[in-house]
Amino acid sequence: MKKSKWIAMLVGGAMICSLAACGGQSSSAPASTAAPTEKTADTTAAEAGDTTEAAADAAAEDKGEGKGYVIGFSNSYNGNTYRQAMEGYLKEAAEELQKTGEVSEVIFAESNQNNSTQVQQIENFILQGVDAIIIDPGSATALNGAIQEASDAGIPCIIINDGPVSSEAELCYQINFDTIAQMGYLTEYVCEAIGGKGNIIELRGTAGSEFDNIAHEGVLKVLEKYPDIKVVAEIYTDWTGSKAQSELASVLPTLDKVDGVVTQGGDSYAAVQAFQSAGLDLPIIGGDNRGYFLKWWANEAPEGYDTVSVSSNPWDGATGLYVAVDILDGKDVPKEMIHPFGIVTKDEVKDYADVADEAICCPTFDRDWVRENLYK
């Protein structure tokens, strides 16, 4: 089984975890064909209530147990492979918890990067009477009112992936990445690889998202140590390859030599393609643990190509569901948790020569791991 090195950035330690997410899968998201039934959050409260109760009663009858929890999931965006993988892992965890009768249904909603729409969807979940809401937020502040409404109604909100949010609601729980450490590690590597001087491009995510804001802060903190490195372009890509490639195609002809590229994810291989299409020398491009990039690096990159690949872990979708159920069960769950991220080095990339194009190569865990590692 393939292995991936994990580096605890704040303490400098390392451990080895199995790469279940990378082993020859045909898609970045795990397969999910049965439960839970997907819905939109735009159904009326009455319709949702009828459907929810029927599903819960059916689950109870099948299992001979009490009704399972109904969970809402509000995703600010699912238009890239990372978000799709995150939803896939959440569905896998939901299927597991449906078999035990702990969850009867997960209702999915996606706001397409519209904060007002996401607020409405969260409010719809409240009207439907869901037991908990998992939220991948599009803003650090825009959802605070809706989160407070949910908390006042006794509905826990679990923030994942693109937090933190600034809500002070009593029932707001947050599962975040140490994004400053993650982006700091990648940026430092690129800066050292280009000899501490030169021009770099920073590929950012979605404008206004808190993950992007914090990731940018991590880049800037490192660049303070490298006064001879200049950021010649900042490009928002929405963490998608198509946008990254088109934006780079328009920017590259206007720039002098580019020595390095720092990325947040979903756009590293697109950067490779953009430089190749422009006929330019290939800079040091920080990787993003996507199959496209890792396969290129392992099989096609110039011999000895020196970089590193880093990514947030989409398995936090499953983490969010496990945490939601534990909160509803009355377990002692901390309000703030840090989820680890994954790193692939030049010594390990050969292990990824045959991964699926859209795989997100990060370790997967299980429920016990969540309890043992995040509830501290």
Protein backbone atom coordinates (compact mmCIF):
# COMPACT_ATOMS: atom_id res chain seq x y z
CA MET A 1 0.00 0.00 0.00
CA LYS A 2 1.29 3.43 -0.86
CA LYS A 3 2.43 5.61 2.00
CA SER A 4 2.59 9.38 2.40
CA LYS A 5 4.70 11.33 4.84
CA TRP A 6 2.79 13.60 7.20
CA ILE A 7 4.64 16.48 8.80
CA ALA A 8 3.28 18.12 11.93
CA MET A 9 4.39 21.60 11.00
CA LEU A 10 4.31 23.13 14.44
CA VAL A 11 6.43 20.49 16.14
CA GLY A 12 8.49 19.17 13.25
CA GLY A 13 7.50 15.53 13.78
CA ALA A 14 6.39 13.03 11.15
CA MET A 15 4.21 9.94 10.87
CA ILE A 16 3.25 7.58 8.08
CA CYS A 17 -0.39 7.07 7.06
CA SER A 18 -1.96 4.80 4.46
CA LEU A 19 -3.07 6.45 1.23
CA ALA A 20 -6.47 4.89 0.76
CA ALA A 21 -7.56 7.95 -1.20
CA CYS A 22 -4.98 7.48 -3.93
CA GLY A 23 -5.07 3.84 -4.88
CA GLY A 24 -6.13 3.69 -8.49
CA GLN A 25 -9.55 5.25 -8.06
CA SER A 26 -11.31 6.57 -11.14
CA SER A 27 -12.52 9.75 -9.50
CA SER A 28 -11.41 12.03 -6.70
CA ALA A 29 -14.62 11.36 -4.80
CA PRO A 30 -15.37 7.92 -3.39
CA ALA A 31 -18.17 6.01 -5.10
CA SER A 32 -21.58 6.44 -3.52
CA THR A 33 -24.63 4.93 -5.15
CA ALA A 34 -27.21 4.42 -2.43
CA ALA A 35 -27.79 6.40 0.74
CA PRO A 36 -27.94 9.18 1.63
CA THR A 37 -30.53 10.57 -0.74
CA GLU A 38 -29.39 13.93 -2.06
CA LYS A 39 -31.79 16.87 -2.04
CA THR A 40 -31.58 20.57 -2.38
CA ALA A 41 -32.23 22.85 0.55
CA ASP A 42 -34.75 24.80 -1.51
CA THR A 43 -37.68 22.48 -0.87
CA THR A 44 -40.38 23.96 1.31
CA ALA A 45 -40.27 23.31 5.01
CA ALA A 46 -43.44 21.23 4.83
CA GLU A 47 -42.15 19.04 2.00
CA ALA A 48 -38.81 18.60 3.72
CA GLY A 49 -40.49 17.76 7.01
CA ASP A 50 -42.66 15.09 5.42
CA THR A 51 -39.75 13.56 3.52
CA THR A 52 -37.41 13.72 6.48
CA GLU A 53 -39.87 12.04 8.84
CA ALA A 54 -40.69 9.32 6.32
CA ALA A 55 -37.00 8.56 5.76
CA ALA A 56 -36.33 8.53 9.49
CA ASP A 57 -39.29 6.23 10.16
CA ALA A 58 -38.13 3.86 7.42
CA ALA A 59 -34.64 3.76 8.86
CA ALA A 60 -36.02 3.08 12.32
CA GLU A 61 -38.22 0.26 11.03
CA ASP A 62 -35.36 -1.32 9.07
CA LYS A 63 -32.97 -1.22 12.01
CA GLY A 64 -35.39 -1.68 14.84
CA GLU A 65 -33.81 1.36 16.46
CA GLY A 66 -34.76 4.95 17.27
CA LYS A 67 -34.85 7.55 14.54
CA GLY A 68 -31.48 8.57 13.16
CA TYR A 69 -30.28 12.15 12.89
CA VAL A 70 -31.04 14.32 9.89
CA ILE A 71 -27.98 16.38 8.91
CA GLY A 72 -27.81 19.32 6.52
CA PHE A 73 -24.65 20.05 4.54
CA SER A 74 -24.19 23.54 3.12
CA ASN A 75 -21.32 23.66 0.63
CA SER A 76 -20.36 27.10 -0.68
CA TYR A 77 -19.03 25.51 -3.88
CA ASN A 78 -18.61 22.04 -5.38
CA GLY A 79 -17.23 22.90 -8.80
CA ASN A 80 -13.76 21.41 -8.35
CA THR A 81 -12.46 17.93 -7.66
CA TYR A 82 -11.41 18.75 -4.10
CA ARG A 83 -14.93 19.77 -3.07
CA GLN A 84 -16.40 16.79 -4.92
CA ALA A 85 -14.04 14.46 -3.05
CA MET A 86 -15.05 16.12 0.22
CA GLU A 87 -18.73 15.48 -0.54
CA GLY A 88 -17.91 11.92 -1.54
CA TYR A 89 -16.19 11.17 1.77
CA LEU A 90 -19.11 12.70 3.64
CA LYS A 91 -21.49 10.41 1.74
CA GLU A 92 -19.37 7.37 2.58
CA ALA A 93 -19.46 8.26 6.28
CA ALA A 94 -23.22 8.84 6.06
CA GLU A 95 -23.76 5.39 4.57
CA GLU A 96 -21.76 3.89 7.42
CA LEU A 97 -23.83 5.73 10.04
CA GLN A 98 -27.10 4.89 8.30
CA LYS A 99 -26.31 1.20 8.71
CA THR A 100 -26.06 1.71 12.48
CA GLY A 101 -29.24 3.82 12.56
CA GLU A 102 -27.36 6.89 13.82
CA VAL A 103 -28.09 8.94 10.68
CA SER A 104 -31.27 8.73 8.63
CA GLU A 105 -30.52 11.34 6.00
CA VAL A 106 -28.02 13.94 4.81
CA ILE A 107 -29.47 16.84 2.81
CA PHE A 108 -27.01 18.54 0.44
CA ALA A 109 -27.10 22.19 -0.67
CA GLU A 110 -24.56 24.12 -2.79
CA SER A 111 -24.62 27.90 -3.07
CA ASN A 112 -22.21 28.39 -6.01
CA GLN A 113 -20.13 30.98 -4.12
CA ASN A 114 -23.13 33.18 -3.34
CA ASN A 115 -23.12 34.08 0.36
CA SER A 116 -26.74 35.24 0.34
CA THR A 117 -27.81 31.92 -1.14
CA GLN A 118 -25.83 30.03 1.47
CA VAL A 119 -27.51 32.02 4.25
CA GLN A 120 -30.92 31.14 2.78
CA GLN A 121 -29.99 27.48 2.56
CA ILE A 122 -28.89 27.38 6.21
CA GLU A 123 -32.15 29.10 7.19
CA ASN A 124 -34.07 26.50 5.17
CA PHE A 125 -32.29 23.76 7.09
CA ILE A 126 -33.42 25.41 10.33
CA LEU A 127 -37.03 25.49 9.09
CA GLN A 128 -36.77 21.83 8.11
CA GLY A 129 -35.73 20.99 11.65
CA VAL A 130 -32.48 19.21 10.86
CA ASP A 131 -30.49 18.02 13.85
CA ALA A 132 -27.15 19.56 12.82
CA ILE A 133 -25.68 21.55 9.92
CA ILE A 134 -22.22 21.02 8.44
CA ILE A 135 -20.98 24.14 6.65
CA ASP A 136 -18.15 24.77 4.21
CA PRO A 137 -18.39 28.56 4.40
CA GLY A 138 -17.99 31.05 1.58
CA SER A 139 -17.19 33.87 4.01
CA ALA A 140 -15.75 34.35 7.47
CA THR A 141 -18.52 36.75 8.46
CA ALA A 142 -21.50 36.63 6.07
CA LEU A 143 -22.97 33.47 7.59
CA ASN A 144 -22.72 34.55 11.24
CA GLY A 145 -26.37 35.59 11.51
CA ALA A 146 -27.62 32.30 10.10
CA ILE A 147 -25.24 30.32 12.33
CA GLN A 148 -26.55 32.24 15.35
CA GLU A 149 -30.15 31.46 14.29
CA ALA A 150 -29.30 27.77 14.12
CA SER A 151 -27.59 27.84 17.50
CA ASP A 152 -30.56 29.64 19.06
CA ALA A 153 -32.77 26.87 17.67
CA GLY A 154 -30.56 24.24 19.32
CA ILE A 155 -28.96 23.13 16.05
CA PRO A 156 -25.16 22.70 16.14
CA CYS A 157 -23.19 24.07 13.18
CA ILE A 158 -19.92 22.36 12.27
CA ILE A 159 -17.58 24.48 10.13
CA ILE A 160 -15.19 22.58 7.86
CA ASN A 161 -12.56 23.24 5.23
CA ASP A 162 -12.79 26.98 4.41
CA GLY A 163 -13.11 28.38 7.91
CA PRO A 164 -12.67 29.73 10.37
CA VAL A 165 -15.78 31.87 10.69
CA SER A 166 -15.97 34.63 13.27
CA SER A 167 -19.24 33.45 14.81
CA GLU A 168 -19.45 33.38 18.58
CA ALA A 169 -22.59 31.24 18.60
CA GLU A 170 -22.70 28.75 21.45
CA LEU A 171 -23.26 25.78 19.13
CA CYS A 172 -20.68 26.72 16.49
CA TYR A 173 -17.88 24.13 16.19
CA GLN A 174 -14.92 24.56 13.84
CA ILE A 175 -12.65 22.01 12.14
CA ASN A 176 -9.90 23.97 10.39
CA PHE A 177 -6.54 23.38 8.78
CA ASP A 178 -3.42 25.16 9.99
CA THR A 179 -3.45 27.02 6.72
CA ILE A 180 -0.64 29.39 7.62
CA ALA A 181 1.64 26.44 8.37
CA GLN A 182 0.51 24.62 5.22
CA MET A 183 1.14 27.55 2.88
CA GLY A 184 4.22 28.60 4.78
CA TYR A 185 5.80 25.19 4.23
CA LEU A 186 5.08 25.26 0.50
CA THR A 187 6.22 28.86 0.04
CA GLU A 188 9.44 28.31 1.98
CA TYR A 189 10.25 25.30 -0.17
CA VAL A 190 9.73 27.22 -3.39
CA CYS A 191 11.75 30.21 -2.15
CA GLU A 192 14.67 28.00 -1.19
CA ALA A 193 14.45 26.01 -4.43
CA ILE A 194 14.88 29.18 -6.51
CA GLY A 195 17.85 30.29 -4.43
CA GLY A 196 16.13 32.96 -2.33
CA LYS A 197 15.72 35.47 -5.13
CA GLY A 198 13.71 35.96 -8.30
CA ASN A 199 10.10 36.35 -9.45
CA ILE A 200 7.16 34.25 -8.34
CA ILE A 201 3.45 34.02 -9.14
CA GLU A 202 0.93 33.39 -6.37
CA LEU A 203 -2.13 31.41 -7.48
CA ARG A 204 -4.91 32.13 -5.03
CA GLY A 205 -8.33 30.55 -4.45
CA THR A 206 -11.68 32.31 -4.31
CA ALA A 207 -11.64 36.02 -3.53
CA GLY A 208 -13.18 36.74 -0.14
CA SER A 209 -13.03 33.20 1.23
CA GLU A 210 -11.38 32.90 4.60
CA PHE A 211 -9.20 29.99 3.52
CA ASP A 212 -7.77 32.13 0.74
CA ASN A 213 -7.22 35.06 3.10
CA ILE A 214 -5.34 32.93 5.61
CA ALA A 215 -3.40 31.06 2.90
CA HIS A 216 -2.25 34.41 1.51
CA GLU A 217 -1.19 35.45 5.00
CA GLY A 218 0.93 32.29 5.23
CA VAL A 219 2.63 33.18 1.95
CA LEU A 220 3.33 36.75 3.03
CA LYS A 221 4.80 35.68 6.37
CA VAL A 222 7.42 33.59 4.59
CA LEU A 223 8.15 36.22 1.94
CA GLU A 224 9.12 38.68 4.69
CA LYS A 225 12.31 36.61 5.01
CA TYR A 226 13.07 36.86 1.28
CA PRO A 227 13.37 40.54 0.26
CA ASP A 228 14.91 39.56 -3.08
CA ILE A 229 11.82 37.61 -4.14
CA LYS A 230 9.12 39.59 -5.94
CA VAL A 231 5.50 38.52 -6.48
CA VAL A 232 4.91 39.57 -10.08
CA ALA A 233 1.27 38.37 -10.27
CA GLU A 234 -1.53 37.28 -7.96
CA ILE A 235 -4.20 35.28 -9.78
CA TYR A 236 -7.51 34.02 -8.40
CA THR A 237 -8.32 30.57 -9.78
CA ASP A 238 -11.25 29.35 -7.63
CA TRP A 239 -8.99 26.33 -7.11
CA THR A 240 -9.81 25.12 -10.63
CA GLY A 241 -7.42 24.18 -13.42
CA SER A 242 -9.45 25.67 -16.26
CA LYS A 243 -9.54 29.14 -14.75
CA ALA A 244 -5.89 28.96 -13.71
CA GLN A 245 -4.78 28.02 -17.22
CA SER A 246 -6.83 30.74 -18.93
CA GLU A 247 -5.73 33.44 -16.48
CA LEU A 248 -2.09 32.45 -16.75
CA ALA A 249 -2.33 32.41 -20.55
CA SER A 250 -3.31 36.08 -20.47
CA VAL A 251 -0.77 37.12 -17.83
CA LEU A 252 2.40 35.25 -18.80
CA PRO A 253 3.13 37.26 -21.98
CA THR A 254 3.25 40.43 -19.86
CA LEU A 255 5.84 39.14 -17.39
CA ASP A 256 9.59 38.82 -17.32
CA LYS A 257 11.12 35.51 -16.29
CA VAL A 258 9.14 33.62 -13.66
CA ASP A 259 11.18 31.47 -11.27
CA GLY A 260 8.50 29.97 -9.04
CA VAL A 261 4.77 29.47 -8.58
CA VAL A 262 3.00 29.08 -5.24
CA THR A 263 -0.43 27.42 -5.40
CA GLN A 264 -3.26 26.68 -2.99
CA GLY A 265 -4.67 23.65 -4.80
CA GLY A 266 -6.45 22.46 -7.91
CA ASP A 267 -4.28 24.48 -10.26
CA SER A 268 -0.71 23.18 -10.16
CA TYR A 269 -0.90 21.01 -13.27
CA ALA A 270 -2.72 23.82 -15.07
CA ALA A 271 0.28 26.02 -14.29
CA VAL A 272 2.56 23.41 -15.85
CA GLN A 273 0.39 23.37 -18.99
CA ALA A 274 0.25 27.16 -19.19
CA PHE A 275 4.04 27.53 -19.14
CA GLN A 276 4.48 24.74 -21.64
CA SER A 277 1.86 26.22 -23.99
CA ALA A 278 3.57 29.61 -23.77
CA GLY A 279 6.92 28.04 -24.65
CA LEU A 280 8.49 29.36 -21.45
CA ASP A 281 11.04 27.79 -19.15
CA LEU A 282 9.35 25.73 -16.48
CA PRO A 283 9.60 27.37 -13.03
CA ILE A 284 9.48 25.61 -9.68
CA ILE A 285 5.74 24.99 -9.23
CA GLY A 286 4.45 24.03 -5.80
CA GLY A 287 2.25 20.95 -6.12
CA ASP A 288 -1.25 20.35 -4.80
CA ASN A 289 -1.49 16.55 -4.37
CA ARG A 290 -3.83 16.21 -7.35
CA GLY A 291 -3.34 13.15 -9.50
CA TYR A 292 -2.76 15.22 -12.64
CA PHE A 293 0.21 17.01 -11.08
CA LEU A 294 1.70 14.02 -9.28
CA LYS A 295 1.54 11.84 -12.41
CA TRP A 296 3.20 14.58 -14.45
CA TRP A 297 5.89 15.07 -11.80
CA ALA A 298 6.57 11.33 -11.53
CA ASN A 299 6.52 10.55 -15.28
CA GLU A 300 7.14 13.65 -17.38
CA ALA A 301 8.88 16.38 -15.39
CA PRO A 302 12.49 17.18 -16.24
CA GLU A 303 14.87 14.80 -14.51
CA GLY A 304 15.56 15.93 -10.97
CA TYR A 305 12.71 18.46 -10.98
CA ASP A 306 12.76 19.92 -7.48
CA THR A 307 9.48 20.77 -5.77
CA VAL A 308 7.08 19.60 -3.08
CA SER A 309 3.34 18.91 -3.11
CA VAL A 310 1.00 19.98 -0.30
CA SER A 311 -2.77 19.84 0.11
CA SER A 312 -5.58 20.24 2.56
CA ASN A 313 -7.36 16.94 3.11
CA PRO A 314 -10.89 16.50 1.69
CA TRP A 315 -11.52 13.69 4.16
CA ASP A 316 -12.63 16.50 6.49
CA GLY A 317 -16.07 16.00 4.94
CA ALA A 318 -16.31 12.67 6.78
CA THR A 319 -14.74 14.25 9.86
CA GLY A 320 -17.50 16.85 9.94
CA LEU A 321 -20.23 14.19 9.97
CA TYR A 322 -18.56 12.10 12.67
CA VAL A 323 -18.16 15.22 14.81
CA ALA A 324 -21.79 16.27 14.22
CA VAL A 325 -23.10 12.92 15.46
CA ASP A 326 -20.84 12.96 18.51
CA ILE A 327 -22.06 16.45 19.41
CA LEU A 328 -25.68 15.33 19.09
CA ASP A 329 -24.89 12.28 21.23
CA GLY A 330 -23.65 14.59 23.99
CA LYS A 331 -19.98 13.68 23.75
CA ASP A 332 -17.34 16.18 24.88
CA VAL A 333 -16.26 17.81 21.61
CA PRO A 334 -13.97 20.88 21.56
CA LYS A 335 -15.19 24.03 19.85
CA GLU A 336 -12.02 24.32 17.74
CA MET A 337 -10.16 21.44 16.09
CA ILE A 338 -7.18 21.31 13.70
CA HIS A 339 -7.22 18.80 10.83
CA PRO A 340 -3.83 17.68 9.42
CA PHE A 341 -2.82 18.21 5.82
CA GLY A 342 -0.75 16.01 3.51
CA ILE A 343 2.70 16.36 1.93
CA VAL A 344 4.34 14.47 -0.95
CA THR A 345 8.09 14.95 -1.41
CA LYS A 346 10.38 14.33 -4.38
CA ASP A 347 11.49 11.07 -2.73
CA GLU A 348 7.89 9.84 -2.59
CA VAL A 349 6.43 11.04 -5.88
CA LYS A 350 7.36 7.82 -7.69
CA ASP A 351 4.66 6.11 -5.61
CA TYR A 352 2.05 8.20 -7.43
CA ALA A 353 3.01 7.48 -11.03
CA ASP A 354 -0.26 5.63 -11.69
CA VAL A 355 -2.85 7.44 -9.56
CA ALA A 356 -6.15 8.53 -11.09
CA ASP A 357 -6.02 11.94 -12.76
CA GLU A 358 -8.52 13.54 -10.40
CA ALA A 359 -7.45 11.79 -7.21
CA ILE A 360 -6.72 13.96 -4.19
CA CYS A 361 -3.75 12.15 -2.69
CA CYS A 362 -4.23 12.49 1.05
CA PRO A 363 -4.66 9.84 3.75
CA THR A 364 -8.10 8.74 4.88
CA PHE A 365 -8.87 7.85 8.49
CA ASP A 366 -11.80 6.54 10.51
CA ARG A 367 -14.11 7.54 13.33
CA ASP A 368 -11.74 6.40 16.06
CA TRP A 369 -8.98 8.54 14.56
CA VAL A 370 -11.23 11.61 14.75
CA ARG A 371 -11.93 11.04 18.42
CA GLU A 372 -8.34 10.22 19.32
CA ASN A 373 -6.67 13.03 17.40
CA LEU A 374 -9.09 15.95 17.23
CA TYR A 375 -10.83 15.83 20.61
CA LYS A 376 -7.94 17.21 22.61
